[in-house]
Amino acid sequence: MCNSIKKLVQKEQLQLIQKGILNIGDKLPEFVKKAVISTKKGIEISEITHNYAAEQGKWMVLFWWPKDFTFVCPTEIIEFNKNNKKFLERNAVLIGASTDTEYVHLGWRENHPQLAELSIPMLADTSKSLAEEMGILNCEEKVAYRATFIIDPQGIIQWVSVYPMNVGRNVDEVLRVLDALQTEELTACGWKAGEQTLSQQLKK
């Protein structure tokens, strides 16, 4: 079992290298996509563009999951949503995304009690074009990896993490990295908001 998981992870990593995942310093690709923003009749679906956060002068945290109506994915979405206020306090907007359609997103939210009242958009990359352009489209299943991008207000990617299909993320780590990036200073291993940065220590 362990060997099969190891081989799966190695295969997925190779696919990402071959595809060329977008990295630190790359610009977020331009896009216009449908997104589910509510389950209330008449306002369920809207359009989101690559400028969704930048036009507000905000950071964007764009996190992808492989498939709706699965098991690991809702645990991550729910945890991101629970922490949405913390991201907003850091001048950052959360956007969740997968290659499912907006109607699948809506159906999932309507049928999952903990997803019904989400406060974050669920972007539908139905054409798979954005996932492919960002280099996170699994070659075999044609679904997105568990990828997270932190993008600054200028639309430049500042952090990327990609997890295998079977491993869930740690939202606290995403917040920690966002905090560190926003200091624009040197931060030590395991640094957390409120602690002195290395830059501050070196000035003494």
Protein backbone atom coordinates (compact mmCIF):
# COMPACT_ATOMS: atom_id res chain seq x y z
CA MET A 1 0.00 0.00 0.00
CA CYS A 2 2.80 2.40 0.97
CA ASN A 3 4.72 1.62 -2.23
CA SER A 4 1.66 2.21 -4.39
CA ILE A 5 1.05 5.63 -2.78
CA LYS A 6 4.73 6.52 -3.18
CA LYS A 7 4.62 5.61 -6.87
CA LEU A 8 1.42 7.65 -7.30
CA VAL A 9 3.02 10.73 -5.69
CA GLN A 10 6.17 10.36 -7.84
CA LYS A 11 4.06 10.03 -10.97
CA GLU A 12 2.02 13.11 -10.10
CA GLN A 13 5.16 15.14 -9.39
CA LEU A 14 6.64 14.10 -12.74
CA GLN A 15 3.46 15.16 -14.55
CA LEU A 16 3.63 18.59 -12.90
CA ILE A 17 7.28 19.06 -13.88
CA GLN A 18 6.53 18.09 -17.47
CA LYS A 19 3.54 20.40 -17.66
CA GLY A 20 5.28 23.40 -16.15
CA ILE A 21 3.36 24.65 -13.14
CA LEU A 22 3.24 28.43 -12.75
CA ASN A 23 5.69 29.58 -10.12
CA ILE A 24 6.74 32.50 -7.96
CA GLY A 25 7.04 35.65 -10.06
CA ASP A 26 4.65 34.47 -12.77
CA LYS A 27 1.55 36.50 -13.50
CA LEU A 28 -1.90 35.07 -12.88
CA PRO A 29 -3.35 34.23 -16.33
CA GLU A 30 -6.28 36.28 -17.60
CA PHE A 31 -9.63 34.53 -17.27
CA VAL A 32 -13.38 35.03 -17.06
CA LYS A 33 -15.15 32.17 -15.33
CA LYS A 34 -18.56 31.40 -13.84
CA ALA A 35 -18.65 31.00 -10.07
CA VAL A 36 -21.24 29.99 -7.51
CA ILE A 37 -21.44 32.73 -4.90
CA SER A 38 -24.67 31.79 -3.12
CA THR A 39 -27.50 29.26 -2.93
CA LYS A 40 -30.13 32.03 -2.86
CA LYS A 41 -32.46 31.96 -5.85
CA GLY A 42 -31.59 34.48 -8.53
CA ILE A 43 -28.06 35.29 -7.36
CA GLU A 44 -26.47 31.85 -7.30
CA ILE A 45 -24.04 32.32 -10.19
CA SER A 46 -21.86 35.24 -11.19
CA GLU A 47 -18.71 35.88 -13.23
CA ILE A 48 -15.23 36.20 -11.76
CA THR A 49 -12.17 37.50 -13.61
CA HIS A 50 -8.45 37.43 -12.93
CA ASN A 51 -8.83 41.01 -11.62
CA TYR A 52 -11.35 40.01 -8.93
CA ALA A 53 -8.93 40.79 -6.10
CA ALA A 54 -6.50 43.16 -7.81
CA GLU A 55 -9.18 45.71 -8.69
CA GLN A 56 -9.93 45.94 -4.96
CA GLY A 57 -6.23 46.29 -4.12
CA LYS A 58 -6.32 42.92 -2.37
CA TRP A 59 -4.31 39.71 -2.29
CA MET A 60 -5.90 36.57 -3.71
CA VAL A 61 -5.65 33.05 -2.31
CA LEU A 62 -6.75 30.72 -5.10
CA PHE A 63 -7.09 27.13 -3.96
CA TRP A 64 -8.01 24.21 -6.21
CA TRP A 65 -9.47 20.81 -5.44
CA PRO A 66 -9.87 17.80 -7.78
CA LYS A 67 -13.58 16.92 -7.71
CA ASP A 68 -16.87 17.94 -6.16
CA PHE A 69 -18.91 15.30 -4.29
CA THR A 70 -15.78 13.65 -2.90
CA PHE A 71 -14.35 13.14 0.59
CA VAL A 72 -11.15 15.11 1.22
CA CYS A 73 -12.24 18.16 -0.77
CA PRO A 74 -15.14 19.34 1.43
CA THR A 75 -12.95 19.15 4.56
CA GLU A 76 -10.58 21.64 2.96
CA ILE A 77 -13.28 23.96 1.60
CA ILE A 78 -15.04 24.04 4.98
CA GLU A 79 -11.77 24.83 6.77
CA PHE A 80 -10.89 27.62 4.35
CA ASN A 81 -14.38 29.02 4.79
CA LYS A 82 -14.09 28.90 8.60
CA ASN A 83 -10.97 31.03 8.28
CA ASN A 84 -12.35 33.44 5.68
CA LYS A 85 -12.54 36.28 8.21
CA LYS A 86 -8.84 35.85 8.98
CA PHE A 87 -7.99 36.14 5.29
CA LEU A 88 -10.19 39.23 4.94
CA GLU A 89 -8.41 40.80 7.93
CA ARG A 90 -5.20 40.30 5.97
CA ASN A 91 -6.60 42.12 2.92
CA ALA A 92 -6.95 38.84 1.03
CA VAL A 93 -9.87 37.24 -0.77
CA LEU A 94 -10.38 33.49 -1.02
CA ILE A 95 -11.48 31.81 -4.23
CA GLY A 96 -12.02 28.06 -4.44
CA ALA A 97 -11.90 26.33 -7.81
CA SER A 98 -12.22 23.01 -9.58
CA THR A 99 -12.89 21.81 -13.10
CA ASP A 100 -16.52 20.97 -12.29
CA THR A 101 -19.28 23.11 -13.81
CA GLU A 102 -21.04 25.88 -11.91
CA TYR A 103 -24.17 23.68 -11.83
CA VAL A 104 -22.27 20.83 -10.19
CA HIS A 105 -20.89 23.32 -7.65
CA LEU A 106 -24.40 24.58 -6.95
CA GLY A 107 -25.83 21.08 -6.63
CA TRP A 108 -23.06 20.11 -4.24
CA ARG A 109 -23.66 23.16 -2.07
CA GLU A 110 -27.38 22.56 -2.02
CA ASN A 111 -26.87 18.95 -0.93
CA HIS A 112 -24.08 19.40 1.59
CA PRO A 113 -25.15 21.11 4.86
CA GLN A 114 -21.70 22.51 5.61
CA LEU A 115 -21.25 23.92 2.11
CA ALA A 116 -24.68 25.54 1.80
CA GLU A 117 -23.71 28.82 3.48
CA LEU A 118 -20.19 29.27 2.14
CA SER A 119 -18.92 32.84 2.09
CA ILE A 120 -16.35 32.19 -0.63
CA PRO A 121 -16.89 31.80 -4.39
CA MET A 122 -16.61 28.40 -6.04
CA LEU A 123 -15.08 29.00 -9.45
CA ALA A 124 -15.98 26.66 -12.32
CA ASP A 125 -13.11 25.99 -14.73
CA THR A 126 -15.39 23.91 -16.93
CA SER A 127 -13.15 24.16 -20.00
CA LYS A 128 -10.15 23.17 -17.83
CA SER A 129 -8.26 25.95 -19.60
CA LEU A 130 -7.20 27.82 -16.47
CA ALA A 131 -6.02 24.70 -14.63
CA GLU A 132 -4.08 23.69 -17.72
CA GLU A 133 -2.55 27.14 -18.16
CA MET A 134 -1.50 27.16 -14.52
CA GLY A 135 0.09 23.74 -14.98
CA ILE A 136 -2.00 21.92 -12.37
CA LEU A 137 -4.21 19.75 -14.58
CA ASN A 138 -3.74 16.04 -13.97
CA CYS A 139 -2.89 14.53 -17.35
CA GLU A 140 -4.86 11.31 -16.85
CA GLU A 141 -8.02 12.34 -14.99
CA LYS A 142 -8.14 15.90 -16.39
CA VAL A 143 -8.92 17.38 -12.99
CA ALA A 144 -6.95 19.89 -10.93
CA TYR A 145 -4.43 18.96 -8.28
CA ARG A 146 -4.78 20.31 -4.71
CA ALA A 147 -2.92 23.48 -5.60
CA THR A 148 -2.84 26.75 -3.66
CA PHE A 149 -1.60 30.06 -5.04
CA ILE A 150 -1.05 33.26 -3.08
CA ILE A 151 -1.21 36.18 -5.51
CA ASP A 152 -0.31 39.75 -4.61
CA PRO A 153 -2.46 42.83 -5.47
CA GLN A 154 -0.45 43.29 -8.68
CA GLY A 155 -1.50 39.85 -9.89
CA ILE A 156 1.92 38.25 -9.33
CA ILE A 157 2.16 34.77 -7.82
CA GLN A 158 4.14 34.89 -4.58
CA TRP A 159 3.66 31.33 -3.25
CA VAL A 160 2.64 27.96 -4.66
CA SER A 161 1.94 24.63 -3.01
CA VAL A 162 0.69 21.45 -4.67
CA TYR A 163 -0.50 18.37 -2.82
CA PRO A 164 -1.21 14.86 -4.13
CA MET A 165 -4.85 13.92 -4.64
CA ASN A 166 -5.07 11.94 -1.41
CA VAL A 167 -3.53 14.51 0.97
CA GLY A 168 -5.45 17.42 2.49
CA ARG A 169 -3.94 20.87 3.09
CA ASN A 170 -3.22 22.85 6.25
CA VAL A 171 -5.05 26.20 6.13
CA ASP A 172 -3.05 27.55 9.08
CA GLU A 173 0.11 27.21 6.99
CA VAL A 174 -1.45 29.23 4.16
CA LEU A 175 -2.27 31.99 6.65
CA ARG A 176 1.24 31.82 8.11
CA VAL A 177 2.85 32.18 4.69
CA LEU A 178 0.52 35.07 3.79
CA ASP A 179 1.52 36.83 7.02
CA ALA A 180 5.20 36.28 6.21
CA LEU A 181 4.86 37.55 2.66
CA GLN A 182 3.09 40.69 3.80
CA THR A 183 5.96 41.63 6.12
CA GLU A 184 8.22 41.91 3.05
CA GLU A 185 11.02 40.95 5.42
CA LEU A 186 13.16 37.92 6.22
CA THR A 187 11.26 35.41 8.35
CA ALA A 188 12.77 32.40 10.09
CA CYS A 189 11.62 28.80 9.90
CA GLY A 190 8.24 28.45 11.61
CA TRP A 191 7.88 32.23 12.02
CA LYS A 192 4.38 33.37 13.06
CA ALA A 193 2.67 36.75 13.05
CA GLY A 194 3.56 38.78 16.13
CA GLU A 195 7.09 37.39 16.35
CA GLN A 196 10.15 39.43 15.40
CA THR A 197 11.35 38.94 11.87
CA LEU A 198 15.01 38.24 11.12
CA SER A 199 15.17 41.65 9.45
CA GLN A 200 14.15 43.31 12.72
CA GLN A 201 16.70 41.29 14.68
CA LEU A 202 19.51 42.21 12.28
CA LYS A 203 18.78 45.93 12.73
CA LYS A 204 19.59 45.73 16.44
